[in-house]
Amino acid sequence: MEEGRVLAALLAAVAGGERDALRRLYVAQSARLFGIANAMLRDAFLAIHRQAGQFDPAQGRRRPGWRESSGKL
């Protein structure tokens, strides 16, 4: 649980206005957050691909329910 204590200390330092703490927090967490964001983006585009047939170009937008059923795109 050392990582949790380090993260808590970094967040406290950022809250206290320590600029270097924000850089260290970014270094420590950016790869994880980019991974999460990338997975979400991939899932969103897979949902778009699966549901693209529901798009109605004549209406210039999606059919009702298209976005809601595609993982909150």
PDB file of N, CA and C in Angstrom:
ATOM      1  N   MET A   1       0.833  -1.202   0.000  1.00  0.00           N
ATOM      2  CA  MET A   1       0.000   0.000   0.000  1.00  0.00           C
ATOM      3  C   MET A   1       0.867   1.251   0.000  1.00  0.00           C
ATOM      4  N   GLU A   2       2.143   1.077  -0.196  1.00  0.00           N
ATOM      5  CA  GLU A   2       3.062   2.217  -0.259  1.00  0.00           C
ATOM      6  C   GLU A   2       2.647   3.184  -1.363  1.00  0.00           C
ATOM      7  N   GLU A   3       2.208   2.637  -2.489  1.00  0.00           N
ATOM      8  CA  GLU A   3       1.801   3.498  -3.603  1.00  0.00           C
ATOM      9  C   GLU A   3       0.659   4.426  -3.198  1.00  0.00           C
ATOM     10  N   GLY A   4      -0.269   3.911  -2.429  1.00  0.00           N
ATOM     11  CA  GLY A   4      -1.388   4.723  -1.961  1.00  0.00           C
ATOM     12  C   GLY A   4      -0.932   5.875  -1.076  1.00  0.00           C
ATOM     13  N   ARG A   5       0.039   5.610  -0.223  1.00  0.00           N
ATOM     14  CA  ARG A   5       0.569   6.676   0.648  1.00  0.00           C
ATOM     15  C   ARG A   5       1.311   7.726  -0.170  1.00  0.00           C
ATOM     16  N   VAL A   6       2.069   7.269  -1.157  1.00  0.00           N
ATOM     17  CA  VAL A   6       2.803   8.210  -2.025  1.00  0.00           C
ATOM     18  C   VAL A   6       1.818   9.073  -2.791  1.00  0.00           C
ATOM     19  N   LEU A   7       0.791   8.448  -3.351  1.00  0.00           N
ATOM     20  CA  LEU A   7      -0.218   9.198  -4.097  1.00  0.00           C
ATOM     21  C   LEU A   7      -0.911  10.215  -3.193  1.00  0.00           C
ATOM     22  N   ALA A   8      -1.268   9.802  -1.987  1.00  0.00           N
ATOM     23  CA  ALA A   8      -1.921  10.721  -1.048  1.00  0.00           C
ATOM     24  C   ALA A   8      -1.009  11.892  -0.707  1.00  0.00           C
ATOM     25  N   ALA A   9       0.267  11.606  -0.515  1.00  0.00           N
ATOM     26  CA  ALA A   9       1.217  12.677  -0.207  1.00  0.00           C
ATOM     27  C   ALA A   9       1.369  13.632  -1.387  1.00  0.00           C
ATOM     28  N   LEU A  10       1.414  13.077  -2.594  1.00  0.00           N
ATOM     29  CA  LEU A  10       1.529  13.936  -3.781  1.00  0.00           C
ATOM     30  C   LEU A  10       0.291  14.809  -3.946  1.00  0.00           C
ATOM     31  N   LEU A  11      -0.872  14.233  -3.748  1.00  0.00           N
ATOM     32  CA  LEU A  11      -2.108  15.018  -3.864  1.00  0.00           C
ATOM     33  C   LEU A  11      -2.164  16.122  -2.819  1.00  0.00           C
ATOM     34  N   ALA A  12      -1.732  15.802  -1.610  1.00  0.00           N
ATOM     35  CA  ALA A  12      -1.691  16.825  -0.549  1.00  0.00           C
ATOM     36  C   ALA A  12      -0.716  17.936  -0.925  1.00  0.00           C
ATOM     37  N   ALA A  13       0.420  17.569  -1.511  1.00  0.00           N
ATOM     38  CA  ALA A  13       1.405  18.573  -1.922  1.00  0.00           C
ATOM     39  C   ALA A  13       0.863  19.435  -3.052  1.00  0.00           C
ATOM     40  N   VAL A  14       0.157  18.813  -4.000  1.00  0.00           N
ATOM     41  CA  VAL A  14      -0.459  19.587  -5.090  1.00  0.00           C
ATOM     42  C   VAL A  14      -1.482  20.557  -4.508  1.00  0.00           C
ATOM     43  N   ALA A  15      -2.308  20.068  -3.594  1.00  0.00           N
ATOM     44  CA  ALA A  15      -3.309  20.920  -2.950  1.00  0.00           C
ATOM     45  C   ALA A  15      -2.657  22.064  -2.194  1.00  0.00           C
ATOM     46  N   GLY A  16      -1.448  21.836  -1.689  1.00  0.00           N
ATOM     47  CA  GLY A  16      -0.713  22.867  -0.972  1.00  0.00           C
ATOM     48  C   GLY A  16       0.035  23.828  -1.882  1.00  0.00           C
ATOM     49  N   GLY A  17      -0.107  23.630  -3.187  1.00  0.00           N
ATOM     50  CA  GLY A  17       0.487  24.565  -4.132  1.00  0.00           C
ATOM     51  C   GLY A  17       1.897  24.227  -4.588  1.00  0.00           C
ATOM     52  N   GLU A  18       2.387  23.053  -4.273  1.00  0.00           N
ATOM     53  CA  GLU A  18       3.729  22.670  -4.690  1.00  0.00           C
ATOM     54  C   GLU A  18       3.718  22.265  -6.171  1.00  0.00           C
ATOM     55  N   ARG A  19       4.298  23.101  -7.014  1.00  0.00           N
ATOM     56  CA  ARG A  19       4.290  22.853  -8.459  1.00  0.00           C
ATOM     57  C   ARG A  19       5.003  21.562  -8.841  1.00  0.00           C
ATOM     58  N   ASP A  20       6.121  21.279  -8.223  1.00  0.00           N
ATOM     59  CA  ASP A  20       6.868  20.079  -8.575  1.00  0.00           C
ATOM     60  C   ASP A  20       6.080  18.815  -8.239  1.00  0.00           C
ATOM     61  N   ALA A  21       5.208  18.900  -7.260  1.00  0.00           N
ATOM     62  CA  ALA A  21       4.391  17.745  -6.887  1.00  0.00           C
ATOM     63  C   ALA A  21       3.452  17.370  -8.024  1.00  0.00           C
ATOM     64  N   LEU A  22       2.942  18.356  -8.740  1.00  0.00           N
ATOM     65  CA  LEU A  22       2.073  18.070  -9.875  1.00  0.00           C
ATOM     66  C   LEU A  22       2.850  17.333 -10.965  1.00  0.00           C
ATOM     67  N   ARG A  23       4.085  17.739 -11.196  1.00  0.00           N
ATOM     68  CA  ARG A  23       4.914  17.049 -12.183  1.00  0.00           C
ATOM     69  C   ARG A  23       5.152  15.606 -11.754  1.00  0.00           C
ATOM     70  N   ARG A  24       5.467  15.405 -10.487  1.00  0.00           N
ATOM     71  CA  ARG A  24       5.715  14.050  -9.983  1.00  0.00           C
ATOM     72  C   ARG A  24       4.451  13.198 -10.025  1.00  0.00           C
ATOM     73  N   LEU A  25       3.296  13.814  -9.741  1.00  0.00           N
ATOM     74  CA  LEU A  25       2.030  13.104  -9.836  1.00  0.00           C
ATOM     75  C   LEU A  25       1.763  12.680 -11.278  1.00  0.00           C
ATOM     76  N   TYR A  26       2.026  13.578 -12.214  1.00  0.00           N
ATOM     77  CA  TYR A  26       1.855  13.266 -13.632  1.00  0.00           C
ATOM     78  C   TYR A  26       2.750  12.089 -14.033  1.00  0.00           C
ATOM     79  N   VAL A  27       4.001  12.145 -13.656  1.00  0.00           N
ATOM     80  CA  VAL A  27       4.940  11.068 -13.986  1.00  0.00           C
ATOM     81  C   VAL A  27       4.459   9.748 -13.387  1.00  0.00           C
ATOM     82  N   ALA A  28       3.983   9.795 -12.166  1.00  0.00           N
ATOM     83  CA  ALA A  28       3.571   8.579 -11.470  1.00  0.00           C
ATOM     84  C   ALA A  28       2.283   7.973 -12.018  1.00  0.00           C
ATOM     85  N   GLN A  29       1.376   8.793 -12.523  1.00  0.00           N
ATOM     86  CA  GLN A  29       0.045   8.299 -12.876  1.00  0.00           C
ATOM     87  C   GLN A  29      -0.320   8.393 -14.352  1.00  0.00           C
ATOM     88  N   SER A  30       0.427   9.104 -15.156  1.00  0.00           N
ATOM     89  CA  SER A  30       0.008   9.351 -16.539  1.00  0.00           C
ATOM     90  C   SER A  30      -0.118   8.076 -17.360  1.00  0.00           C
ATOM     91  N   ALA A  31       0.791   7.137 -17.221  1.00  0.00           N
ATOM     92  CA  ALA A  31       0.704   5.901 -18.013  1.00  0.00           C
ATOM     93  C   ALA A  31      -0.580   5.153 -17.689  1.00  0.00           C
ATOM     94  N   ARG A  32      -0.925   5.076 -16.415  1.00  0.00           N
ATOM     95  CA  ARG A  32      -2.163   4.393 -16.015  1.00  0.00           C
ATOM     96  C   ARG A  32      -3.387   5.111 -16.583  1.00  0.00           C
ATOM     97  N   LEU A  33      -3.399   6.442 -16.473  1.00  0.00           N
ATOM     98  CA  LEU A  33      -4.557   7.188 -16.964  1.00  0.00           C
ATOM     99  C   LEU A  33      -4.665   7.141 -18.482  1.00  0.00           C
ATOM    100  N   PHE A  34      -3.534   7.193 -19.174  1.00  0.00           N
ATOM    101  CA  PHE A  34      -3.574   7.058 -20.629  1.00  0.00           C
ATOM    102  C   PHE A  34      -4.090   5.683 -21.015  1.00  0.00           C
ATOM    103  N   GLY A  35      -3.708   4.661 -20.273  1.00  0.00           N
ATOM    104  CA  GLY A  35      -4.199   3.310 -20.543  1.00  0.00           C
ATOM    105  C   GLY A  35      -5.703   3.214 -20.380  1.00  0.00           C
ATOM    106  N   ILE A  36      -6.219   3.804 -19.320  1.00  0.00           N
ATOM    107  CA  ILE A  36      -7.657   3.805 -19.083  1.00  0.00           C
ATOM    108  C   ILE A  36      -8.376   4.572 -20.185  1.00  0.00           C
ATOM    109  N   ALA A  37      -7.856   5.754 -20.523  1.00  0.00           N
ATOM    110  CA  ALA A  37      -8.467   6.574 -21.576  1.00  0.00           C
ATOM    111  C   ALA A  37      -8.433   5.840 -22.915  1.00  0.00           C
ATOM    112  N   ASN A  38      -7.323   5.181 -23.208  1.00  0.00           N
ATOM    113  CA  ASN A  38      -7.209   4.453 -24.464  1.00  0.00           C
ATOM    114  C   ASN A  38      -8.222   3.316 -24.529  1.00  0.00           C
ATOM    115  N   ALA A  39      -8.405   2.604 -23.429  1.00  0.00           N
ATOM    116  CA  ALA A  39      -9.380   1.521 -23.391  1.00  0.00           C
ATOM    117  C   ALA A  39     -10.796   2.049 -23.590  1.00  0.00           C
ATOM    118  N   MET A  40     -11.104   3.189 -22.982  1.00  0.00           N
ATOM    119  CA  MET A  40     -12.427   3.789 -23.149  1.00  0.00           C
ATOM    120  C   MET A  40     -12.643   4.231 -24.592  1.00  0.00           C
ATOM    121  N   LEU A  41     -11.633   4.820 -25.183  1.00  0.00           N
ATOM    122  CA  LEU A  41     -11.731   5.265 -26.572  1.00  0.00           C
ATOM    123  C   LEU A  41     -11.920   4.077 -27.500  1.00  0.00           C
ATOM    124  N   ARG A  42     -11.147   3.012 -27.271  1.00  0.00           N
ATOM    125  CA  ARG A  42     -11.273   1.797 -28.083  1.00  0.00           C
ATOM    126  C   ARG A  42     -12.687   1.238 -27.968  1.00  0.00           C
ATOM    127  N   ASP A  43     -13.211   1.137 -26.751  1.00  0.00           N
ATOM    128  CA  ASP A  43     -14.556   0.608 -26.548  1.00  0.00           C
ATOM    129  C   ASP A  43     -15.604   1.473 -27.241  1.00  0.00           C
ATOM    130  N   ALA A  44     -15.419   2.783 -27.183  1.00  0.00           N
ATOM    131  CA  ALA A  44     -16.368   3.687 -27.833  1.00  0.00           C
ATOM    132  C   ALA A  44     -16.387   3.477 -29.345  1.00  0.00           C
ATOM    133  N   PHE A  45     -15.211   3.361 -29.953  1.00  0.00           N
ATOM    134  CA  PHE A  45     -15.169   3.176 -31.395  1.00  0.00           C
ATOM    135  C   PHE A  45     -15.653   1.789 -31.807  1.00  0.00           C
ATOM    136  N   LEU A  46     -15.436   0.781 -30.985  1.00  0.00           N
ATOM    137  CA  LEU A  46     -15.998  -0.536 -31.283  1.00  0.00           C
ATOM    138  C   LEU A  46     -17.524  -0.489 -31.235  1.00  0.00           C
ATOM    139  N   ALA A  47     -18.060   0.239 -30.267  1.00  0.00           N
ATOM    140  CA  ALA A  47     -19.520   0.386 -30.184  1.00  0.00           C
ATOM    141  C   ALA A  47     -20.055   1.140 -31.394  1.00  0.00           C
ATOM    142  N   ILE A  48     -19.348   2.174 -31.820  1.00  0.00           N
ATOM    143  CA  ILE A  48     -19.762   2.909 -33.014  1.00  0.00           C
ATOM    144  C   ILE A  48     -19.751   1.984 -34.225  1.00  0.00           C
ATOM    145  N   HIS A  49     -18.717   1.197 -34.338  1.00  0.00           N
ATOM    146  CA  HIS A  49     -18.609   0.264 -35.465  1.00  0.00           C
ATOM    147  C   HIS A  49     -19.761  -0.734 -35.462  1.00  0.00           C
ATOM    148  N   ARG A  50     -20.074  -1.282 -34.303  1.00  0.00           N
ATOM    149  CA  ARG A  50     -21.149  -2.270 -34.202  1.00  0.00           C
ATOM    150  C   ARG A  50     -22.517  -1.652 -34.498  1.00  0.00           C
ATOM    151  N   GLN A  51     -22.697  -0.384 -34.175  1.00  0.00           N
ATOM    152  CA  GLN A  51     -24.020   0.232 -34.301  1.00  0.00           C
ATOM    153  C   GLN A  51     -24.116   1.222 -35.460  1.00  0.00           C
ATOM    154  N   ALA A  52     -23.125   1.260 -36.305  1.00  0.00           N
ATOM    155  CA  ALA A  52     -23.111   2.241 -37.396  1.00  0.00           C
ATOM    156  C   ALA A  52     -24.310   2.073 -38.318  1.00  0.00           C
ATOM    157  N   GLY A  53     -24.841   0.879 -38.443  1.00  0.00           N
ATOM    158  CA  GLY A  53     -26.008   0.653 -39.291  1.00  0.00           C
ATOM    159  C   GLY A  53     -27.257   1.356 -38.811  1.00  0.00           C
ATOM    160  N   GLN A  54     -27.275   1.804 -37.587  1.00  0.00           N
ATOM    161  CA  GLN A  54     -28.426   2.522 -37.045  1.00  0.00           C
ATOM    162  C   GLN A  54     -28.399   4.007 -37.378  1.00  0.00           C
ATOM    163  N   PHE A  55     -27.291   4.470 -37.926  1.00  0.00           N
ATOM    164  CA  PHE A  55     -27.173   5.887 -38.279  1.00  0.00           C
ATOM    165  C   PHE A  55     -28.055   6.169 -39.490  1.00  0.00           C
ATOM    166  N   ASP A  56     -28.799   7.253 -39.458  1.00  0.00           N
ATOM    167  CA  ASP A  56     -29.682   7.633 -40.560  1.00  0.00           C
ATOM    168  C   ASP A  56     -29.175   8.927 -41.175  1.00  0.00           C
ATOM    169  N   PRO A  57     -28.436   8.842 -42.311  1.00  0.00           N
ATOM    170  CA  PRO A  57     -27.888  10.051 -42.931  1.00  0.00           C
ATOM    171  C   PRO A  57     -28.965  11.035 -43.380  1.00  0.00           C
ATOM    172  N   ALA A  58     -30.159  10.544 -43.676  1.00  0.00           N
ATOM    173  CA  ALA A  58     -31.247  11.435 -44.099  1.00  0.00           C
ATOM    174  C   ALA A  58     -31.647  12.380 -42.974  1.00  0.00           C
ATOM    175  N   GLN A  59     -31.497  11.909 -41.766  1.00  0.00           N
ATOM    176  CA  GLN A  59     -31.826  12.749 -40.613  1.00  0.00           C
ATOM    177  C   GLN A  59     -30.620  13.549 -40.145  1.00  0.00           C
ATOM    178  N   GLY A  60     -29.434  13.164 -40.601  1.00  0.00           N
ATOM    179  CA  GLY A  60     -28.225  13.874 -40.218  1.00  0.00           C
ATOM    180  C   GLY A  60     -27.802  13.628 -38.786  1.00  0.00           C
ATOM    181  N   ARG A  61     -28.367  12.612 -38.182  1.00  0.00           N
ATOM    182  CA  ARG A  61     -28.003  12.280 -36.808  1.00  0.00           C
ATOM    183  C   ARG A  61     -28.384  10.836 -36.527  1.00  0.00           C
ATOM    184  N   ARG A  62     -28.077  10.415 -35.344  1.00  0.00           N
ATOM    185  CA  ARG A  62     -28.358   9.039 -34.955  1.00  0.00           C
ATOM    186  C   ARG A  62     -29.845   8.831 -34.727  1.00  0.00           C
ATOM    187  N   ARG A  63     -30.243   7.574 -34.745  1.00  0.00           N
ATOM    188  CA  ARG A  63     -31.610   7.235 -34.371  1.00  0.00           C
ATOM    189  C   ARG A  63     -31.738   7.289 -32.857  1.00  0.00           C
ATOM    190  N   PRO A  64     -32.937   7.500 -32.339  1.00  0.00           N
ATOM    191  CA  PRO A  64     -33.123   7.538 -30.881  1.00  0.00           C
ATOM    192  C   PRO A  64     -32.585   6.262 -30.235  1.00  0.00           C
ATOM    193  N   GLY A  65     -31.893   6.424 -29.124  1.00  0.00           N
ATOM    194  CA  GLY A  65     -31.364   5.298 -28.388  1.00  0.00           C
ATOM    195  C   GLY A  65     -29.984   4.849 -28.831  1.00  0.00           C
ATOM    196  N   TRP A  66     -29.486   5.358 -29.957  1.00  0.00           N
ATOM    197  CA  TRP A  66     -28.193   4.900 -30.490  1.00  0.00           C
ATOM    198  C   TRP A  66     -27.075   5.198 -29.526  1.00  0.00           C
ATOM    199  N   ARG A  67     -26.991   6.415 -29.068  1.00  0.00           N
ATOM    200  CA  ARG A  67     -25.898   6.800 -28.167  1.00  0.00           C
ATOM    201  C   ARG A  67     -26.036   6.135 -26.806  1.00  0.00           C
ATOM    202  N   GLU A  68     -27.231   6.089 -26.300  1.00  0.00           N
ATOM    203  CA  GLU A  68     -27.452   5.546 -24.977  1.00  0.00           C
ATOM    204  C   GLU A  68     -27.049   4.080 -24.888  1.00  0.00           C
ATOM    205  N   SER A  69     -27.173   3.359 -25.991  1.00  0.00           N
ATOM    206  CA  SER A  69     -26.856   1.931 -25.950  1.00  0.00           C
ATOM    207  C   SER A  69     -25.429   1.645 -26.361  1.00  0.00           C
ATOM    208  N   SER A  70     -24.640   2.676 -26.636  1.00  0.00           N
ATOM    209  CA  SER A  70     -23.274   2.441 -27.116  1.00  0.00           C
ATOM    210  C   SER A  70     -22.229   2.869 -26.093  1.00  0.00           C
ATOM    211  N   GLY A  71     -22.498   2.674 -24.846  1.00  0.00           N
ATOM    212  CA  GLY A  71     -21.489   2.956 -23.829  1.00  0.00           C
ATOM    213  C   GLY A  71     -21.310   4.430 -23.522  1.00  0.00           C
ATOM    214  N   LYS A  72     -22.388   5.184 -23.580  1.00  0.00           N
ATOM    215  CA  LYS A  72     -22.346   6.631 -23.276  1.00  0.00           C
ATOM    216  C   LYS A  72     -21.352   7.372 -24.138  1.00  0.00           C
ATOM    217  N   LEU A  73     -21.465   7.218 -25.427  1.00  0.00           N
ATOM    218  CA  LEU A  73     -20.594   7.943 -26.366  1.00  0.00           C
ATOM    219  C   LEU A  73     -20.973   9.384 -26.412  1.00  0.00           C
TER     220      LEU A  73
END
